[in-house]
Structure formats: structure tokens, C-alpha cells
Amino acid sequence: MSAQTPAQAELASLLVDTLNLEDVSAADIDPGAPLFGDGLGLDSIDALELALAISKTYGFQLRSDNEDNRRIFGSLAALSEHIEQNRTV
């Protein structure tokens, strides 16, 4: 597991808090591991909740019709990078 950057650690905390992941510590989320399926095990409802939290926290919307969503939500590192490129707050 690679170390989280400060931005990834902040996002990991948001992810754990938003989705009430009781058995997961934010620090234990591998930045390169998949968030969905075999990785962290998130599902489409989790993606919607996370997108809403990201919108409120970082000031931009993740659109459900974005064809890059699989890549964007692929891992903590990919999602964090997308947020850093698009955040307004």
C-alpha cells in the first residue's frame, strides 16, 4: 500500500464519514486500490452519496452522465486527482 497524500487523506476521511464505513479506517484505504467491486466494495448508491458529499465539500458536481466516471471513481488516488483539478473551494 502506498502512502496517502494530504488531499487523499482528507478525501478518505470524507468517504468513511459519508458512507458510515464502520469497519474501515480512512488511513487504511490504499490510494491505488479499487473503490468499487473487489476493492473497498462500494456500490452505485455509495457513488451517489459520495458525489453529493463531494459537491458540498469541494464546490463542483460530478455528473452521472460523464463517460469518465469509471476512471474518476476508479481509486482514491484517481478521485482525489479529479477533485484537485476541479475544486472551487
C-alpha atoms as a PDB file:
ATOM      1  CA  MET A   1       0.000   0.000   0.000  1.00  0.00           C
ATOM      2  CA  SER A   2       1.332   3.421  -0.904  1.00  0.00           C
ATOM      3  CA  ALA A   3       1.084   6.361   1.473  1.00  0.00           C
ATOM      4  CA  GLN A   4      -1.794   8.789   1.103  1.00  0.00           C
ATOM      5  CA  THR A   5      -1.161  12.401   0.157  1.00  0.00           C
ATOM      6  CA  PRO A   6      -2.811  15.032   2.389  1.00  0.00           C
ATOM      7  CA  ALA A   7      -5.560  15.521  -0.231  1.00  0.00           C
ATOM      8  CA  GLN A   8      -6.146  11.757  -0.410  1.00  0.00           C
ATOM      9  CA  ALA A   9      -6.281  11.512   3.389  1.00  0.00           C
ATOM     10  CA  GLU A  10      -8.884  14.305   3.502  1.00  0.00           C
ATOM     11  CA  LEU A  11     -10.959  12.545   0.835  1.00  0.00           C
ATOM     12  CA  ALA A  12     -10.597   9.168   2.573  1.00  0.00           C
ATOM     13  CA  SER A  13     -11.983  10.715   5.773  1.00  0.00           C
ATOM     14  CA  LEU A  14     -14.904  12.202   3.832  1.00  0.00           C
ATOM     15  CA  LEU A  15     -15.539   8.819   2.234  1.00  0.00           C
ATOM     16  CA  VAL A  16     -15.545   6.936   5.553  1.00  0.00           C
ATOM     17  CA  ASP A  17     -17.728   9.569   7.270  1.00  0.00           C
ATOM     18  CA  THR A  18     -20.200   9.976   4.392  1.00  0.00           C
ATOM     19  CA  LEU A  19     -20.709   6.270   3.821  1.00  0.00           C
ATOM     20  CA  ASN A  20     -20.551   5.272   7.510  1.00  0.00           C
ATOM     21  CA  LEU A  21     -17.859   2.682   6.832  1.00  0.00           C
ATOM     22  CA  GLU A  22     -17.609   1.330  10.368  1.00  0.00           C
ATOM     23  CA  ASP A  23     -15.039  -1.391   9.652  1.00  0.00           C
ATOM     24  CA  VAL A  24     -12.732   0.835   7.589  1.00  0.00           C
ATOM     25  CA  SER A  25     -10.243   3.408   8.795  1.00  0.00           C
ATOM     26  CA  ALA A  26      -9.553   6.313   6.436  1.00  0.00           C
ATOM     27  CA  ALA A  27      -5.820   5.703   6.845  1.00  0.00           C
ATOM     28  CA  ASP A  28      -6.255   2.077   5.733  1.00  0.00           C
ATOM     29  CA  ILE A  29      -7.659   2.941   2.302  1.00  0.00           C
ATOM     30  CA  ASP A  30      -4.998   2.184  -0.295  1.00  0.00           C
ATOM     31  CA  PRO A  31      -4.886   5.112  -2.771  1.00  0.00           C
ATOM     32  CA  GLY A  32      -4.427   2.733  -5.707  1.00  0.00           C
ATOM     33  CA  ALA A  33      -6.997   0.095  -4.746  1.00  0.00           C
ATOM     34  CA  PRO A  34     -10.387  -0.008  -6.476  1.00  0.00           C
ATOM     35  CA  LEU A  35     -13.213   1.734  -4.606  1.00  0.00           C
ATOM     36  CA  PHE A  36     -15.913  -0.471  -6.150  1.00  0.00           C
ATOM     37  CA  GLY A  37     -16.343  -4.211  -6.543  1.00  0.00           C
ATOM     38  CA  ASP A  38     -13.496  -6.269  -5.141  1.00  0.00           C
ATOM     39  CA  GLY A  39     -11.688  -3.266  -3.691  1.00  0.00           C
ATOM     40  CA  LEU A  40     -13.451  -1.264  -0.991  1.00  0.00           C
ATOM     41  CA  GLY A  41     -16.749  -2.836  -2.048  1.00  0.00           C
ATOM     42  CA  LEU A  42     -18.733   0.323  -2.756  1.00  0.00           C
ATOM     43  CA  ASP A  43     -21.856   0.231  -4.949  1.00  0.00           C
ATOM     44  CA  SER A  44     -23.838   2.665  -7.102  1.00  0.00           C
ATOM     45  CA  ILE A  45     -25.793   4.072  -4.133  1.00  0.00           C
ATOM     46  CA  ASP A  46     -22.482   4.778  -2.402  1.00  0.00           C
ATOM     47  CA  ALA A  47     -21.320   6.589  -5.546  1.00  0.00           C
ATOM     48  CA  LEU A  48     -24.381   8.856  -5.448  1.00  0.00           C
ATOM     49  CA  GLU A  49     -23.894   9.661  -1.767  1.00  0.00           C
ATOM     50  CA  LEU A  50     -20.200  10.311  -2.296  1.00  0.00           C
ATOM     51  CA  ALA A  51     -20.856  12.544  -5.313  1.00  0.00           C
ATOM     52  CA  LEU A  52     -23.267  14.645  -3.224  1.00  0.00           C
ATOM     53  CA  ALA A  53     -20.732  14.968  -0.396  1.00  0.00           C
ATOM     54  CA  ILE A  54     -18.004  15.956  -2.867  1.00  0.00           C
ATOM     55  CA  SER A  55     -20.304  18.590  -4.362  1.00  0.00           C
ATOM     56  CA  LYS A  56     -20.995  20.103  -0.941  1.00  0.00           C
ATOM     57  CA  THR A  57     -17.383  19.912   0.228  1.00  0.00           C
ATOM     58  CA  TYR A  58     -15.444  20.888  -2.887  1.00  0.00           C
ATOM     59  CA  GLY A  59     -17.922  23.083  -4.776  1.00  0.00           C
ATOM     60  CA  PHE A  60     -18.368  21.226  -8.057  1.00  0.00           C
ATOM     61  CA  GLN A  61     -20.658  18.483  -9.335  1.00  0.00           C
ATOM     62  CA  LEU A  62     -19.768  15.033 -10.536  1.00  0.00           C
ATOM     63  CA  ARG A  63     -22.219  14.288 -13.323  1.00  0.00           C
ATOM     64  CA  SER A  64     -23.755  10.831 -13.647  1.00  0.00           C
ATOM     65  CA  ASP A  65     -23.568  11.048 -17.458  1.00  0.00           C
ATOM     66  CA  ASN A  66     -19.806  11.686 -17.514  1.00  0.00           C
ATOM     67  CA  GLU A  67     -18.241   8.910 -19.587  1.00  0.00           C
ATOM     68  CA  ASP A  68     -15.047   9.176 -17.491  1.00  0.00           C
ATOM     69  CA  ASN A  69     -16.789   8.206 -14.220  1.00  0.00           C
ATOM     70  CA  ARG A  70     -15.303   4.702 -14.217  1.00  0.00           C
ATOM     71  CA  ARG A  71     -11.820   6.221 -14.317  1.00  0.00           C
ATOM     72  CA  ILE A  72     -12.653   9.072 -11.913  1.00  0.00           C
ATOM     73  CA  PHE A  73     -14.136   6.721  -9.313  1.00  0.00           C
ATOM     74  CA  GLY A  74     -11.553   4.018 -10.022  1.00  0.00           C
ATOM     75  CA  SER A  75      -9.492   4.603  -6.895  1.00  0.00           C
ATOM     76  CA  LEU A  76      -8.922   7.069  -4.084  1.00  0.00           C
ATOM     77  CA  ALA A  77      -5.934   8.461  -5.996  1.00  0.00           C
ATOM     78  CA  ALA A  78      -7.939   8.982  -9.221  1.00  0.00           C
ATOM     79  CA  LEU A  79     -10.862  10.596  -7.418  1.00  0.00           C
ATOM     80  CA  SER A  80      -8.566  12.844  -5.391  1.00  0.00           C
ATOM     81  CA  GLU A  81      -6.735  13.958  -8.535  1.00  0.00           C
ATOM     82  CA  HIS A  82     -10.041  14.787 -10.255  1.00  0.00           C
ATOM     83  CA  ILE A  83     -11.173  16.794  -7.225  1.00  0.00           C
ATOM     84  CA  GLU A  84      -7.909  18.747  -7.069  1.00  0.00           C
ATOM     85  CA  GLN A  85      -8.283  19.659 -10.758  1.00  0.00           C
ATOM     86  CA  ASN A  86     -11.919  20.799 -10.421  1.00  0.00           C
ATOM     87  CA  ARG A  87     -12.496  22.043  -6.881  1.00  0.00           C
ATOM     88  CA  THR A  88     -13.747  25.587  -6.401  1.00  0.00           C
ATOM     89  CA  VAL A  89     -13.454  25.739  -2.584  1.00  0.00           C
END
